[in-house]
Amino acid sequence: MNISLILGMFPGFMSMIAIYHFMKAIGLDQTLFALILVYSGGAALNYYIAKGFFDTIPRSLDEAARIDGANRHTIFWRIILPNSKPIVVNTAINAFIAPWVDFIFVSVIMKDNYKNYTVAKGLYTMVDKANIFEYYTAFCAGAVLVSIPIVCLFIRLQKYYVAGVTAGASKG
């Protein structure tokens, strides 16, 4: 836990050159699999936040269910998981948004492999100095289209955020 806390203190872009050279050494530079590995590794550090949330779920819920005859499987699926929807939603949204709008890592790992760019990097290439006048309106339309899945996801899952924020607000 301490190692992940220390790693979380440093921004991910500090290690991008080392990650690129590591991927190049094992033959994964400019591949989609390398990008998936980088994003999966970054998303895995969200478990530290999830652990903090799971520590707030009272142990008495487990004990009461155990007294009522529930096994571990039932306790997890019917009690713990429904109470942990806010953190599951938070982790899912963060794991989706980070790769969706990533620009820095894909610029380093993919170099000039255009077919594997993320949406943000692809849109940026539309407005470089050579193409800005030709593709600016397409860039603006693309930027709006990129925001639609994020907005829809957030609107759909907003009730879980509100439930998580207000869960500890009751007096008692």
C-alpha atoms as a PDB file:
ATOM      1  CA  MET A   1       0.000   0.000   0.000  1.00  0.00           C
ATOM      2  CA  ASN A   2       2.810   2.406   0.804  1.00  0.00           C
ATOM      3  CA  ILE A   3       4.501   1.718  -2.522  1.00  0.00           C
ATOM      4  CA  SER A   4       1.319   2.506  -4.443  1.00  0.00           C
ATOM      5  CA  LEU A   5       0.839   5.672  -2.389  1.00  0.00           C
ATOM      6  CA  ILE A   6       4.371   6.800  -3.220  1.00  0.00           C
ATOM      7  CA  LEU A   7       3.913   5.933  -6.919  1.00  0.00           C
ATOM      8  CA  GLY A   8       0.638   7.859  -6.956  1.00  0.00           C
ATOM      9  CA  MET A   9       2.430  10.991  -5.797  1.00  0.00           C
ATOM     10  CA  PHE A  10       4.346  11.241  -9.059  1.00  0.00           C
ATOM     11  CA  PRO A  11       2.598  12.152 -12.294  1.00  0.00           C
ATOM     12  CA  GLY A  12       2.555   9.398 -14.899  1.00  0.00           C
ATOM     13  CA  PHE A  13       4.305  11.483 -17.539  1.00  0.00           C
ATOM     14  CA  MET A  14       7.499  11.477 -15.443  1.00  0.00           C
ATOM     15  CA  SER A  15       8.001   7.843 -16.395  1.00  0.00           C
ATOM     16  CA  MET A  16       6.922   7.950 -20.030  1.00  0.00           C
ATOM     17  CA  ILE A  17      10.433   7.867 -21.509  1.00  0.00           C
ATOM     18  CA  ALA A  18      11.379   4.903 -19.336  1.00  0.00           C
ATOM     19  CA  ILE A  19       8.141   3.136 -20.257  1.00  0.00           C
ATOM     20  CA  TYR A  20       8.769   3.786 -23.943  1.00  0.00           C
ATOM     21  CA  HIS A  21      12.307   2.359 -23.776  1.00  0.00           C
ATOM     22  CA  PHE A  22      11.017  -0.645 -21.845  1.00  0.00           C
ATOM     23  CA  MET A  23       8.301  -1.266 -24.450  1.00  0.00           C
ATOM     24  CA  LYS A  24      10.864  -0.839 -27.233  1.00  0.00           C
ATOM     25  CA  ALA A  25      13.238  -3.313 -25.537  1.00  0.00           C
ATOM     26  CA  ILE A  26      10.566  -6.012 -25.437  1.00  0.00           C
ATOM     27  CA  GLY A  27       9.393  -5.241 -28.980  1.00  0.00           C
ATOM     28  CA  LEU A  28       6.075  -3.568 -28.157  1.00  0.00           C
ATOM     29  CA  ASP A  29       6.806  -0.015 -29.271  1.00  0.00           C
ATOM     30  CA  GLN A  30       4.146   1.532 -31.493  1.00  0.00           C
ATOM     31  CA  THR A  31       1.633  -1.247 -30.813  1.00  0.00           C
ATOM     32  CA  LEU A  32      -1.872  -1.075 -29.460  1.00  0.00           C
ATOM     33  CA  PHE A  33      -0.995  -3.723 -26.864  1.00  0.00           C
ATOM     34  CA  ALA A  34       1.655  -1.405 -25.378  1.00  0.00           C
ATOM     35  CA  LEU A  35      -0.913   1.342 -25.010  1.00  0.00           C
ATOM     36  CA  ILE A  36      -3.363  -1.068 -23.366  1.00  0.00           C
ATOM     37  CA  LEU A  37      -0.672  -2.174 -20.906  1.00  0.00           C
ATOM     38  CA  VAL A  38       0.142   1.427 -19.960  1.00  0.00           C
ATOM     39  CA  TYR A  39      -3.508   2.357 -19.437  1.00  0.00           C
ATOM     40  CA  SER A  40      -4.249  -0.816 -17.470  1.00  0.00           C
ATOM     41  CA  GLY A  41      -1.298  -0.184 -15.186  1.00  0.00           C
ATOM     42  CA  GLY A  42      -2.434   3.371 -14.558  1.00  0.00           C
ATOM     43  CA  ALA A  43      -6.008   2.320 -13.844  1.00  0.00           C
ATOM     44  CA  ALA A  44      -4.832  -0.325 -11.384  1.00  0.00           C
ATOM     45  CA  LEU A  45      -3.597   2.332  -8.969  1.00  0.00           C
ATOM     46  CA  ASN A  46      -7.227   3.299  -8.334  1.00  0.00           C
ATOM     47  CA  TYR A  47      -7.402   0.385  -5.913  1.00  0.00           C
ATOM     48  CA  TYR A  48      -5.841   2.594  -3.244  1.00  0.00           C
ATOM     49  CA  ILE A  49      -8.824   4.926  -3.398  1.00  0.00           C
ATOM     50  CA  ALA A  50     -11.191   1.940  -3.442  1.00  0.00           C
ATOM     51  CA  LYS A  51      -9.531   0.475  -0.348  1.00  0.00           C
ATOM     52  CA  GLY A  52     -10.190   3.688   1.527  1.00  0.00           C
ATOM     53  CA  PHE A  53     -13.841   3.492   0.537  1.00  0.00           C
ATOM     54  CA  PHE A  54     -14.192  -0.187   1.482  1.00  0.00           C
ATOM     55  CA  ASP A  55     -12.698   0.571   4.888  1.00  0.00           C
ATOM     56  CA  THR A  56     -15.695   2.848   5.580  1.00  0.00           C
ATOM     57  CA  ILE A  57     -18.248   0.068   5.051  1.00  0.00           C
ATOM     58  CA  PRO A  58     -19.145  -1.135   8.559  1.00  0.00           C
ATOM     59  CA  ARG A  59     -17.963  -4.579   9.562  1.00  0.00           C
ATOM     60  CA  SER A  60     -21.247  -5.009  11.411  1.00  0.00           C
ATOM     61  CA  LEU A  61     -23.008  -5.535   8.058  1.00  0.00           C
ATOM     62  CA  ASP A  62     -20.874  -8.627   7.455  1.00  0.00           C
ATOM     63  CA  GLU A  63     -21.425  -9.890  10.965  1.00  0.00           C
ATOM     64  CA  ALA A  64     -25.202  -9.389  10.831  1.00  0.00           C
ATOM     65  CA  ALA A  65     -25.409 -11.226   7.510  1.00  0.00           C
ATOM     66  CA  ARG A  66     -23.229 -14.021   8.886  1.00  0.00           C
ATOM     67  CA  ILE A  67     -25.584 -14.382  11.869  1.00  0.00           C
ATOM     68  CA  ASP A  68     -28.540 -14.524   9.468  1.00  0.00           C
ATOM     69  CA  GLY A  69     -26.868 -17.443   7.688  1.00  0.00           C
ATOM     70  CA  ALA A  70     -25.350 -15.787   4.631  1.00  0.00           C
ATOM     71  CA  ASN A  71     -22.134 -17.175   3.186  1.00  0.00           C
ATOM     72  CA  ARG A  72     -19.215 -15.044   1.942  1.00  0.00           C
ATOM     73  CA  HIS A  73     -20.437 -15.112  -1.631  1.00  0.00           C
ATOM     74  CA  THR A  74     -23.885 -13.809  -0.654  1.00  0.00           C
ATOM     75  CA  ILE A  75     -22.417 -11.180   1.655  1.00  0.00           C
ATOM     76  CA  PHE A  76     -20.230  -9.806  -1.122  1.00  0.00           C
ATOM     77  CA  TRP A  77     -22.789  -9.830  -3.951  1.00  0.00           C
ATOM     78  CA  ARG A  78     -25.872  -8.763  -1.979  1.00  0.00           C
ATOM     79  CA  ILE A  79     -24.470  -6.453   0.695  1.00  0.00           C
ATOM     80  CA  ILE A  80     -20.949  -5.185   0.029  1.00  0.00           C
ATOM     81  CA  LEU A  81     -21.160  -4.650  -3.744  1.00  0.00           C
ATOM     82  CA  PRO A  82     -24.482  -2.717  -3.688  1.00  0.00           C
ATOM     83  CA  ASN A  83     -23.068  -0.486  -0.934  1.00  0.00           C
ATOM     84  CA  SER A  84     -19.913   0.135  -2.951  1.00  0.00           C
ATOM     85  CA  LYS A  85     -21.544   1.359  -6.165  1.00  0.00           C
ATOM     86  CA  PRO A  86     -20.127   4.896  -5.783  1.00  0.00           C
ATOM     87  CA  ILE A  87     -16.510   3.731  -5.787  1.00  0.00           C
ATOM     88  CA  VAL A  88     -17.083   1.198  -8.568  1.00  0.00           C
ATOM     89  CA  VAL A  89     -18.632   3.950 -10.706  1.00  0.00           C
ATOM     90  CA  ASN A  90     -15.804   6.351  -9.855  1.00  0.00           C
ATOM     91  CA  THR A  91     -13.190   3.785 -10.850  1.00  0.00           C
ATOM     92  CA  ALA A  92     -15.036   2.946 -14.068  1.00  0.00           C
ATOM     93  CA  ILE A  93     -15.380   6.582 -15.103  1.00  0.00           C
ATOM     94  CA  ASN A  94     -11.737   7.363 -14.329  1.00  0.00           C
ATOM     95  CA  ALA A  95     -10.540   4.251 -16.151  1.00  0.00           C
ATOM     96  CA  PHE A  96     -12.599   5.273 -19.196  1.00  0.00           C
ATOM     97  CA  ILE A  97     -11.829   8.989 -19.316  1.00  0.00           C
ATOM     98  CA  ALA A  98      -8.053   8.737 -18.872  1.00  0.00           C
ATOM     99  CA  PRO A  99      -7.336   6.733 -22.055  1.00  0.00           C
ATOM    100  CA  TRP A 100     -10.136   8.461 -23.968  1.00  0.00           C
ATOM    101  CA  VAL A 101      -8.568  11.906 -23.661  1.00  0.00           C
ATOM    102  CA  ASP A 102      -4.918  10.922 -23.264  1.00  0.00           C
ATOM    103  CA  PHE A 103      -2.455  12.856 -25.328  1.00  0.00           C
ATOM    104  CA  ILE A 104       0.921  12.554 -23.637  1.00  0.00           C
ATOM    105  CA  PHE A 105       1.496   8.794 -23.460  1.00  0.00           C
ATOM    106  CA  VAL A 106       0.126   8.093 -26.910  1.00  0.00           C
ATOM    107  CA  SER A 107       2.405  10.761 -28.352  1.00  0.00           C
ATOM    108  CA  VAL A 108       5.451   9.020 -26.917  1.00  0.00           C
ATOM    109  CA  ILE A 109       4.493   5.376 -27.348  1.00  0.00           C
ATOM    110  CA  MET A 110       2.894   5.528 -30.805  1.00  0.00           C
ATOM    111  CA  LYS A 111       5.238   8.108 -32.373  1.00  0.00           C
ATOM    112  CA  ASP A 112       4.001   8.218 -35.996  1.00  0.00           C
ATOM    113  CA  ASN A 113       1.732   5.138 -35.979  1.00  0.00           C
ATOM    114  CA  TYR A 114      -1.408   7.088 -36.863  1.00  0.00           C
ATOM    115  CA  LYS A 115      -3.814   4.155 -36.908  1.00  0.00           C
ATOM    116  CA  ASN A 116      -3.394   3.546 -33.151  1.00  0.00           C
ATOM    117  CA  TYR A 117      -3.744   7.128 -31.918  1.00  0.00           C
ATOM    118  CA  THR A 118      -6.241   7.973 -29.222  1.00  0.00           C
ATOM    119  CA  VAL A 119      -9.027  10.386 -30.046  1.00  0.00           C
ATOM    120  CA  ALA A 120      -7.282  13.360 -28.442  1.00  0.00           C
ATOM    121  CA  LYS A 121      -4.037  12.779 -30.330  1.00  0.00           C
ATOM    122  CA  GLY A 122      -5.905  12.176 -33.577  1.00  0.00           C
ATOM    123  CA  LEU A 123      -7.804  15.432 -33.195  1.00  0.00           C
ATOM    124  CA  TYR A 124      -4.615  17.292 -32.396  1.00  0.00           C
ATOM    125  CA  THR A 125      -2.984  16.109 -35.603  1.00  0.00           C
ATOM    126  CA  MET A 126      -5.894  17.662 -37.497  1.00  0.00           C
ATOM    127  CA  VAL A 127      -4.955  21.148 -36.295  1.00  0.00           C
ATOM    128  CA  ASP A 128      -1.187  21.154 -36.640  1.00  0.00           C
ATOM    129  CA  LYS A 129       0.337  24.036 -38.577  1.00  0.00           C
ATOM    130  CA  ALA A 130      -0.027  22.370 -41.968  1.00  0.00           C
ATOM    131  CA  ASN A 131      -3.691  21.386 -41.590  1.00  0.00           C
ATOM    132  CA  ILE A 132      -5.264  23.996 -39.317  1.00  0.00           C
ATOM    133  CA  PHE A 133      -7.106  25.925 -42.035  1.00  0.00           C
ATOM    134  CA  GLU A 134      -8.324  22.812 -43.816  1.00  0.00           C
ATOM    135  CA  TYR A 135      -9.519  20.762 -40.827  1.00  0.00           C
ATOM    136  CA  TYR A 136     -10.414  23.309 -38.130  1.00  0.00           C
ATOM    137  CA  THR A 137     -14.180  22.885 -38.460  1.00  0.00           C
ATOM    138  CA  ALA A 138     -13.802  19.095 -38.511  1.00  0.00           C
ATOM    139  CA  PHE A 139     -11.653  19.400 -35.388  1.00  0.00           C
ATOM    140  CA  CYS A 140     -14.392  21.387 -33.626  1.00  0.00           C
ATOM    141  CA  ALA A 141     -17.025  18.827 -34.614  1.00  0.00           C
ATOM    142  CA  GLY A 142     -14.755  16.017 -33.439  1.00  0.00           C
ATOM    143  CA  ALA A 143     -14.197  17.735 -30.100  1.00  0.00           C
ATOM    144  CA  VAL A 144     -17.959  17.899 -29.557  1.00  0.00           C
ATOM    145  CA  LEU A 145     -18.361  14.251 -30.555  1.00  0.00           C
ATOM    146  CA  VAL A 146     -15.574  13.218 -28.169  1.00  0.00           C
ATOM    147  CA  SER A 147     -17.342  14.879 -25.261  1.00  0.00           C
ATOM    148  CA  ILE A 148     -20.683  13.152 -25.883  1.00  0.00           C
ATOM    149  CA  PRO A 149     -19.754   9.686 -24.478  1.00  0.00           C
ATOM    150  CA  ILE A 150     -18.165  11.259 -21.398  1.00  0.00           C
ATOM    151  CA  VAL A 151     -21.189  13.470 -20.719  1.00  0.00           C
ATOM    152  CA  CYS A 152     -23.633  10.596 -21.292  1.00  0.00           C
ATOM    153  CA  LEU A 153     -21.631   8.316 -19.007  1.00  0.00           C
ATOM    154  CA  PHE A 154     -21.507  10.920 -16.275  1.00  0.00           C
ATOM    155  CA  ILE A 155     -25.222  11.768 -16.543  1.00  0.00           C
ATOM    156  CA  ARG A 156     -26.126   8.076 -16.437  1.00  0.00           C
ATOM    157  CA  LEU A 157     -23.948   7.397 -13.400  1.00  0.00           C
ATOM    158  CA  GLN A 158     -24.392  10.700 -11.556  1.00  0.00           C
ATOM    159  CA  LYS A 159     -26.854   9.267  -9.029  1.00  0.00           C
ATOM    160  CA  TYR A 160     -24.114   6.972  -7.718  1.00  0.00           C
ATOM    161  CA  TYR A 161     -21.769   9.916  -7.239  1.00  0.00           C
ATOM    162  CA  VAL A 162     -24.427  11.791  -5.286  1.00  0.00           C
ATOM    163  CA  ALA A 163     -25.164   8.689  -3.211  1.00  0.00           C
ATOM    164  CA  GLY A 164     -21.486   8.323  -2.371  1.00  0.00           C
ATOM    165  CA  VAL A 165     -21.027  11.980  -1.437  1.00  0.00           C
ATOM    166  CA  THR A 166     -24.119  12.157   0.766  1.00  0.00           C
ATOM    167  CA  ALA A 167     -23.730   8.701   2.359  1.00  0.00           C
ATOM    168  CA  GLY A 168     -21.867   9.996   5.379  1.00  0.00           C
ATOM    169  CA  ALA A 169     -23.864  13.211   5.689  1.00  0.00           C
ATOM    170  CA  SER A 170     -26.704  11.902   7.818  1.00  0.00           C
ATOM    171  CA  LYS A 171     -26.709  12.800  11.470  1.00  0.00           C
ATOM    172  CA  GLY A 172     -26.984   9.939  13.851  1.00  0.00           C
END
